[in-house]
Amino acid sequence: VASYQAHYVTVTGGEPLAQKNCLALLSTLCD
C-alpha cells in the first residue's frame, strides 16, 4: 500500500469483514 504513495485507502472485497483479520488491517492502516 505504501509503495503507491496515496492518501486514501479503501478496503473492499468480496466482503472484507468475512476475514477476521480485516479489523487488524483497518486499524493498522489508520495508524
PDB file of all heavy atoms in Angstrom:
ATOM      1  N   VAL A   1       0.844  -1.200   0.000  1.00  0.00           N
ATOM      2  CA  VAL A   1       0.000   0.000   0.000  1.00  0.00           C
ATOM      3  C   VAL A   1       0.879   1.249   0.000  1.00  0.00           C
ATOM      4  O   VAL A   1       0.653   2.200  -0.761  1.00  0.00           O
ATOM      5  CB  VAL A   1      -0.951  -0.008   1.211  1.00  0.00           C
ATOM      6  CG1 VAL A   1      -1.617   1.361   1.381  1.00  0.00           C
ATOM      7  CG2 VAL A   1      -2.014  -1.093   1.067  1.00  0.00           C
ATOM      8  N   ALA A   2       1.915   1.261   0.840  1.00  0.00           N
ATOM      9  CA  ALA A   2       2.782   2.434   0.962  1.00  0.00           C
ATOM     10  C   ALA A   2       3.506   2.749  -0.344  1.00  0.00           C
ATOM     11  O   ALA A   2       3.818   3.918  -0.626  1.00  0.00           O
ATOM     12  CB  ALA A   2       3.794   2.215   2.081  1.00  0.00           C
ATOM     13  N   SER A   3       3.750   1.728  -1.151  1.00  0.00           N
ATOM     14  CA  SER A   3       4.509   1.933  -2.382  1.00  0.00           C
ATOM     15  C   SER A   3       3.791   2.848  -3.375  1.00  0.00           C
ATOM     16  O   SER A   3       4.425   3.441  -4.247  1.00  0.00           O
ATOM     17  CB  SER A   3       4.811   0.587  -3.043  1.00  0.00           C
ATOM     18  OG  SER A   3       3.634   0.007  -3.605  1.00  0.00           O
ATOM     19  N   TYR A   4       2.483   3.001  -3.233  1.00  0.00           N
ATOM     20  CA  TYR A   4       1.716   3.830  -4.162  1.00  0.00           C
ATOM     21  C   TYR A   4       1.665   5.293  -3.740  1.00  0.00           C
ATOM     22  O   TYR A   4       1.209   6.144  -4.506  1.00  0.00           O
ATOM     23  CB  TYR A   4       0.300   3.287  -4.312  1.00  0.00           C
ATOM     24  CG  TYR A   4       0.241   1.930  -4.982  1.00  0.00           C
ATOM     25  CD1 TYR A   4      -0.120   0.803  -4.256  1.00  0.00           C
ATOM     26  CD2 TYR A   4       0.535   1.779  -6.325  1.00  0.00           C
ATOM     27  CE1 TYR A   4      -0.186  -0.440  -4.859  1.00  0.00           C
ATOM     28  CE2 TYR A   4       0.476   0.542  -6.945  1.00  0.00           C
ATOM     29  CZ  TYR A   4       0.116  -0.564  -6.198  1.00  0.00           C
ATOM     30  OH  TYR A   4       0.056  -1.796  -6.799  1.00  0.00           O
ATOM     31  N   GLN A   5       2.067   5.587  -2.528  1.00  0.00           N
ATOM     32  CA  GLN A   5       2.157   6.965  -2.028  1.00  0.00           C
ATOM     33  C   GLN A   5       0.834   7.718  -2.162  1.00  0.00           C
ATOM     34  O   GLN A   5       0.799   8.879  -2.605  1.00  0.00           O
ATOM     35  CB  GLN A   5       3.287   7.715  -2.740  1.00  0.00           C
ATOM     36  CG  GLN A   5       4.645   7.055  -2.562  1.00  0.00           C
ATOM     37  CD  GLN A   5       5.762   7.796  -3.286  1.00  0.00           C
ATOM     38  OE1 GLN A   5       5.526   8.771  -3.993  1.00  0.00           O
ATOM     39  NE2 GLN A   5       6.983   7.326  -3.117  1.00  0.00           N
ATOM     40  N   ALA A   6      -0.249   7.082  -1.790  1.00  0.00           N
ATOM     41  CA  ALA A   6      -1.575   7.700  -1.843  1.00  0.00           C
ATOM     42  C   ALA A   6      -2.048   8.036  -0.434  1.00  0.00           C
ATOM     43  O   ALA A   6      -1.574   7.464   0.561  1.00  0.00           O
ATOM     44  CB  ALA A   6      -2.568   6.775  -2.523  1.00  0.00           C
ATOM     45  N   HIS A   7      -2.987   8.952  -0.360  1.00  0.00           N
ATOM     46  CA  HIS A   7      -3.523   9.363   0.950  1.00  0.00           C
ATOM     47  C   HIS A   7      -4.733   8.524   1.351  1.00  0.00           C
ATOM     48  O   HIS A   7      -4.969   8.290   2.532  1.00  0.00           O
ATOM     49  CB  HIS A   7      -3.917  10.837   0.889  1.00  0.00           C
ATOM     50  CG  HIS A   7      -4.498  11.362   2.159  1.00  0.00           C
ATOM     51  ND1 HIS A   7      -3.787  11.442   3.339  1.00  0.00           N
ATOM     52  CD2 HIS A   7      -5.748  11.819   2.445  1.00  0.00           C
ATOM     53  CE1 HIS A   7      -4.552  11.946   4.291  1.00  0.00           C
ATOM     54  NE2 HIS A   7      -5.742  12.172   3.781  1.00  0.00           N
ATOM     55  N   TYR A   8      -5.499   8.061   0.365  1.00  0.00           N
ATOM     56  CA  TYR A   8      -6.737   7.324   0.628  1.00  0.00           C
ATOM     57  C   TYR A   8      -6.535   5.836   0.378  1.00  0.00           C
ATOM     58  O   TYR A   8      -5.905   5.435  -0.603  1.00  0.00           O
ATOM     59  CB  TYR A   8      -7.867   7.834  -0.272  1.00  0.00           C
ATOM     60  CG  TYR A   8      -8.271   9.256   0.015  1.00  0.00           C
ATOM     61  CD1 TYR A   8      -7.692  10.315  -0.680  1.00  0.00           C
ATOM     62  CD2 TYR A   8      -9.223   9.553   0.989  1.00  0.00           C
ATOM     63  CE1 TYR A   8      -8.049  11.625  -0.412  1.00  0.00           C
ATOM     64  CE2 TYR A   8      -9.584  10.860   1.265  1.00  0.00           C
ATOM     65  CZ  TYR A   8      -8.995  11.896   0.559  1.00  0.00           C
ATOM     66  OH  TYR A   8      -9.349  13.196   0.828  1.00  0.00           O
ATOM     67  N   VAL A   9      -7.091   5.028   1.272  1.00  0.00           N
ATOM     68  CA  VAL A   9      -7.056   3.567   1.120  1.00  0.00           C
ATOM     69  C   VAL A   9      -8.469   3.034   1.335  1.00  0.00           C
ATOM     70  O   VAL A   9      -9.132   3.390   2.320  1.00  0.00           O
ATOM     71  CB  VAL A   9      -6.095   2.901   2.118  1.00  0.00           C
ATOM     72  CG1 VAL A   9      -6.107   1.384   1.931  1.00  0.00           C
ATOM     73  CG2 VAL A   9      -4.681   3.446   1.971  1.00  0.00           C
ATOM     74  N   THR A  10      -8.922   2.185   0.417  1.00  0.00           N
ATOM     75  CA  THR A  10     -10.221   1.529   0.552  1.00  0.00           C
ATOM     76  C   THR A  10     -10.011   0.025   0.682  1.00  0.00           C
ATOM     77  O   THR A  10      -9.356  -0.589  -0.164  1.00  0.00           O
ATOM     78  CB  THR A  10     -11.112   1.818  -0.670  1.00  0.00           C
ATOM     79  OG1 THR A  10     -11.452   3.205  -0.685  1.00  0.00           O
ATOM     80  CG2 THR A  10     -12.396   0.996  -0.616  1.00  0.00           C
ATOM     81  N   VAL A  11     -10.566  -0.543   1.736  1.00  0.00           N
ATOM     82  CA  VAL A  11     -10.549  -1.991   1.932  1.00  0.00           C
ATOM     83  C   VAL A  11     -11.899  -2.520   1.465  1.00  0.00           C
ATOM     84  O   VAL A  11     -12.954  -2.093   1.952  1.00  0.00           O
ATOM     85  CB  VAL A  11     -10.283  -2.358   3.395  1.00  0.00           C
ATOM     86  CG1 VAL A  11     -10.327  -3.870   3.596  1.00  0.00           C
ATOM     87  CG2 VAL A  11      -8.915  -1.804   3.836  1.00  0.00           C
ATOM     88  N   THR A  12     -11.865  -3.439   0.509  1.00  0.00           N
ATOM     89  CA  THR A  12     -13.084  -3.877  -0.148  1.00  0.00           C
ATOM     90  C   THR A  12     -13.025  -5.374  -0.402  1.00  0.00           C
ATOM     91  O   THR A  12     -12.174  -6.074   0.115  1.00  0.00           O
ATOM     92  CB  THR A  12     -13.290  -3.061  -1.456  1.00  0.00           C
ATOM     93  OG1 THR A  12     -14.554  -3.389  -2.029  1.00  0.00           O
ATOM     94  CG2 THR A  12     -12.172  -3.288  -2.444  1.00  0.00           C
ATOM     95  N   GLY A  13     -13.954  -5.889  -1.197  1.00  0.00           N
ATOM     96  CA  GLY A  13     -13.996  -7.314  -1.464  1.00  0.00           C
ATOM     97  C   GLY A  13     -14.650  -7.596  -2.803  1.00  0.00           C
ATOM     98  O   GLY A  13     -14.603  -6.752  -3.695  1.00  0.00           O
ATOM     99  N   GLY A  14     -15.363  -8.716  -2.890  1.00  0.00           N
ATOM    100  CA  GLY A  14     -15.806  -9.586  -1.816  1.00  0.00           C
ATOM    101  C   GLY A  14     -16.451  -8.839  -0.654  1.00  0.00           C
ATOM    102  O   GLY A  14     -16.916  -7.729  -0.762  1.00  0.00           O
ATOM    103  N   GLU A  15     -16.437  -9.520   0.453  1.00  0.00           N
ATOM    104  CA  GLU A  15     -16.876  -8.945   1.721  1.00  0.00           C
ATOM    105  C   GLU A  15     -15.687  -8.985   2.672  1.00  0.00           C
ATOM    106  O   GLU A  15     -15.357 -10.039   3.225  1.00  0.00           O
ATOM    107  CB  GLU A  15     -18.060  -9.714   2.291  1.00  0.00           C
ATOM    108  CG  GLU A  15     -18.412  -9.376   3.730  1.00  0.00           C
ATOM    109  CD  GLU A  15     -18.527  -7.872   3.977  1.00  0.00           C
ATOM    110  OE1 GLU A  15     -19.471  -7.265   3.440  1.00  0.00           O
ATOM    111  OE2 GLU A  15     -17.674  -7.322   4.703  1.00  0.00           O
ATOM    112  N   PRO A  16     -15.008  -7.859   2.871  1.00  0.00           N
ATOM    113  CA  PRO A  16     -13.776  -7.870   3.668  1.00  0.00           C
ATOM    114  C   PRO A  16     -13.963  -8.346   5.102  1.00  0.00           C
ATOM    115  O   PRO A  16     -13.071  -8.990   5.658  1.00  0.00           O
ATOM    116  CB  PRO A  16     -13.296  -6.419   3.598  1.00  0.00           C
ATOM    117  CG  PRO A  16     -14.467  -5.619   3.146  1.00  0.00           C
ATOM    118  CD  PRO A  16     -15.294  -6.526   2.302  1.00  0.00           C
ATOM    119  N   LEU A  17     -15.112  -8.057   5.704  1.00  0.00           N
ATOM    120  CA  LEU A  17     -15.311  -8.435   7.100  1.00  0.00           C
ATOM    121  C   LEU A  17     -15.501  -9.939   7.283  1.00  0.00           C
ATOM    122  O   LEU A  17     -15.540 -10.424   8.417  1.00  0.00           O
ATOM    123  CB  LEU A  17     -16.502  -7.679   7.685  1.00  0.00           C
ATOM    124  CG  LEU A  17     -16.291  -6.169   7.867  1.00  0.00           C
ATOM    125  CD1 LEU A  17     -17.561  -5.514   8.373  1.00  0.00           C
ATOM    126  CD2 LEU A  17     -15.125  -5.884   8.804  1.00  0.00           C
ATOM    127  N   ALA A  18     -15.593 -10.683   6.186  1.00  0.00           N
ATOM    128  CA  ALA A  18     -15.668 -12.143   6.292  1.00  0.00           C
ATOM    129  C   ALA A  18     -14.343 -12.724   6.781  1.00  0.00           C
ATOM    130  O   ALA A  18     -14.300 -13.880   7.214  1.00  0.00           O
ATOM    131  CB  ALA A  18     -16.059 -12.753   4.948  1.00  0.00           C
ATOM    132  N   GLN A  19     -13.271 -11.943   6.690  1.00  0.00           N
ATOM    133  CA  GLN A  19     -11.978 -12.367   7.231  1.00  0.00           C
ATOM    134  C   GLN A  19     -11.735 -11.625   8.546  1.00  0.00           C
ATOM    135  O   GLN A  19     -11.708 -10.391   8.570  1.00  0.00           O
ATOM    136  CB  GLN A  19     -10.846 -12.070   6.236  1.00  0.00           C
ATOM    137  CG  GLN A  19     -10.947 -12.852   4.942  1.00  0.00           C
ATOM    138  CD  GLN A  19      -9.698 -12.724   4.091  1.00  0.00           C
ATOM    139  OE1 GLN A  19      -8.579 -12.856   4.588  1.00  0.00           O
ATOM    140  NE2 GLN A  19      -9.879 -12.490   2.798  1.00  0.00           N
ATOM    141  N   LYS A  20     -11.553 -12.372   9.624  1.00  0.00           N
ATOM    142  CA  LYS A  20     -11.463 -11.750  10.951  1.00  0.00           C
ATOM    143  C   LYS A  20     -10.291 -10.787  11.068  1.00  0.00           C
ATOM    144  O   LYS A  20     -10.360  -9.802  11.826  1.00  0.00           O
ATOM    145  CB  LYS A  20     -11.383 -12.825  12.034  1.00  0.00           C
ATOM    146  CG  LYS A  20     -10.149 -13.700  11.969  1.00  0.00           C
ATOM    147  CD  LYS A  20     -10.142 -14.727  13.104  1.00  0.00           C
ATOM    148  CE  LYS A  20      -8.877 -15.584  13.076  1.00  0.00           C
ATOM    149  NZ  LYS A  20      -8.861 -16.574  14.193  1.00  0.00           N
ATOM    150  N   ASN A  21      -9.207 -11.037  10.343  1.00  0.00           N
ATOM    151  CA  ASN A  21      -8.045 -10.158  10.442  1.00  0.00           C
ATOM    152  C   ASN A  21      -8.232  -8.844   9.694  1.00  0.00           C
ATOM    153  O   ASN A  21      -7.348  -7.980   9.728  1.00  0.00           O
ATOM    154  CB  ASN A  21      -6.796 -10.871   9.932  1.00  0.00           C
ATOM    155  CG  ASN A  21      -6.292 -11.913  10.913  1.00  0.00           C
ATOM    156  OD1 ASN A  21      -6.552 -11.824  12.114  1.00  0.00           O
ATOM    157  ND2 ASN A  21      -5.582 -12.903  10.415  1.00  0.00           N
ATOM    158  N   CYS A  22      -9.378  -8.669   9.045  1.00  0.00           N
ATOM    159  CA  CYS A  22      -9.684  -7.396   8.403  1.00  0.00           C
ATOM    160  C   CYS A  22      -9.673  -6.259   9.421  1.00  0.00           C
ATOM    161  O   CYS A  22      -9.224  -5.150   9.131  1.00  0.00           O
ATOM    162  CB  CYS A  22     -11.036  -7.469   7.701  1.00  0.00           C
ATOM    163  SG  CYS A  22     -11.558  -5.925   6.929  1.00  0.00           S
ATOM    164  N   LEU A  23     -10.147  -6.531  10.625  1.00  0.00           N
ATOM    165  CA  LEU A  23     -10.202  -5.485  11.650  1.00  0.00           C
ATOM    166  C   LEU A  23      -8.806  -4.983  11.993  1.00  0.00           C
ATOM    167  O   LEU A  23      -8.586  -3.773  12.144  1.00  0.00           O
ATOM    168  CB  LEU A  23     -10.903  -6.010  12.909  1.00  0.00           C
ATOM    169  CG  LEU A  23     -12.365  -6.434  12.731  1.00  0.00           C
ATOM    170  CD1 LEU A  23     -12.914  -6.970  14.048  1.00  0.00           C
ATOM    171  CD2 LEU A  23     -13.216  -5.275  12.228  1.00  0.00           C
ATOM    172  N   ALA A  24      -7.845  -5.899  12.087  1.00  0.00           N
ATOM    173  CA  ALA A  24      -6.468  -5.502  12.372  1.00  0.00           C
ATOM    174  C   ALA A  24      -5.882  -4.706  11.211  1.00  0.00           C
ATOM    175  O   ALA A  24      -5.142  -3.732  11.418  1.00  0.00           O
ATOM    176  CB  ALA A  24      -5.614  -6.734  12.647  1.00  0.00           C
ATOM    177  N   LEU A  25      -6.199  -5.110   9.985  1.00  0.00           N
ATOM    178  CA  LEU A  25      -5.724  -4.380   8.815  1.00  0.00           C
ATOM    179  C   LEU A  25      -6.244  -2.947   8.827  1.00  0.00           C
ATOM    180  O   LEU A  25      -5.483  -1.994   8.592  1.00  0.00           O
ATOM    181  CB  LEU A  25      -6.179  -5.096   7.542  1.00  0.00           C
ATOM    182  CG  LEU A  25      -5.923  -4.361   6.222  1.00  0.00           C
ATOM    183  CD1 LEU A  25      -4.433  -4.159   5.994  1.00  0.00           C
ATOM    184  CD2 LEU A  25      -6.549  -5.114   5.052  1.00  0.00           C
ATOM    185  N   LEU A  26      -7.517  -2.773   9.096  1.00  0.00           N
ATOM    186  CA  LEU A  26      -8.111  -1.432   9.123  1.00  0.00           C
ATOM    187  C   LEU A  26      -7.418  -0.545  10.149  1.00  0.00           C
ATOM    188  O   LEU A  26      -7.049   0.602   9.857  1.00  0.00           O
ATOM    189  CB  LEU A  26      -9.608  -1.526   9.430  1.00  0.00           C
ATOM    190  CG  LEU A  26     -10.485  -2.174   8.360  1.00  0.00           C
ATOM    191  CD1 LEU A  26     -11.876  -2.462   8.906  1.00  0.00           C
ATOM    192  CD2 LEU A  26     -10.585  -1.287   7.116  1.00  0.00           C
ATOM    193  N   SER A  27      -7.222  -1.063  11.347  1.00  0.00           N
ATOM    194  CA  SER A  27      -6.583  -0.272  12.403  1.00  0.00           C
ATOM    195  C   SER A  27      -5.137   0.056  12.052  1.00  0.00           C
ATOM    196  O   SER A  27      -4.667   1.179  12.292  1.00  0.00           O
ATOM    197  CB  SER A  27      -6.642  -1.026  13.739  1.00  0.00           C
ATOM    198  OG  SER A  27      -7.974  -1.120  14.204  1.00  0.00           O
ATOM    199  N   THR A  28      -4.427  -0.905  11.480  1.00  0.00           N
ATOM    200  CA  THR A  28      -3.028  -0.673  11.107  1.00  0.00           C
ATOM    201  C   THR A  28      -2.924   0.412  10.044  1.00  0.00           C
ATOM    202  O   THR A  28      -2.043   1.290  10.110  1.00  0.00           O
ATOM    203  CB  THR A  28      -2.389  -1.972  10.599  1.00  0.00           C
ATOM    204  OG1 THR A  28      -2.438  -2.956  11.638  1.00  0.00           O
ATOM    205  CG2 THR A  28      -0.937  -1.753  10.201  1.00  0.00           C
ATOM    206  N   LEU A  29      -3.794   0.389   9.056  1.00  0.00           N
ATOM    207  CA  LEU A  29      -3.779   1.414   8.018  1.00  0.00           C
ATOM    208  C   LEU A  29      -4.087   2.795   8.604  1.00  0.00           C
ATOM    209  O   LEU A  29      -3.466   3.800   8.226  1.00  0.00           O
ATOM    210  CB  LEU A  29      -4.778   1.066   6.918  1.00  0.00           C
ATOM    211  CG  LEU A  29      -4.424  -0.149   6.060  1.00  0.00           C
ATOM    212  CD1 LEU A  29      -5.598  -0.546   5.173  1.00  0.00           C
ATOM    213  CD2 LEU A  29      -3.188   0.128   5.201  1.00  0.00           C
ATOM    214  N   CYS A  30      -5.023   2.849   9.537  1.00  0.00           N
ATOM    215  CA  CYS A  30      -5.313   4.123  10.211  1.00  0.00           C
ATOM    216  C   CYS A  30      -4.081   4.610  10.977  1.00  0.00           C
ATOM    217  O   CYS A  30      -3.756   5.807  10.952  1.00  0.00           O
ATOM    218  CB  CYS A  30      -6.496   3.968  11.162  1.00  0.00           C
ATOM    219  SG  CYS A  30      -8.107   3.775  10.363  1.00  0.00           S
ATOM    220  N   ASP A  31      -3.401   3.689  11.654  1.00  0.00           N
ATOM    221  CA  ASP A  31      -2.199   4.047  12.413  1.00  0.00           C
ATOM    222  C   ASP A  31      -1.120   4.629  11.509  1.00  0.00           C
ATOM    223  O   ASP A  31      -0.294   5.441  11.953  1.00  0.00           O
ATOM    224  CB  ASP A  31      -1.636   2.827  13.138  1.00  0.00           C
ATOM    225  CG  ASP A  31      -2.517   2.343  14.282  1.00  0.00           C
ATOM    226  OD1 ASP A  31      -3.389   3.118  14.730  1.00  0.00           O
ATOM    227  OD2 ASP A  31      -2.336   1.181  14.706  1.00  0.00           O
TER     228      ASP A  31
END
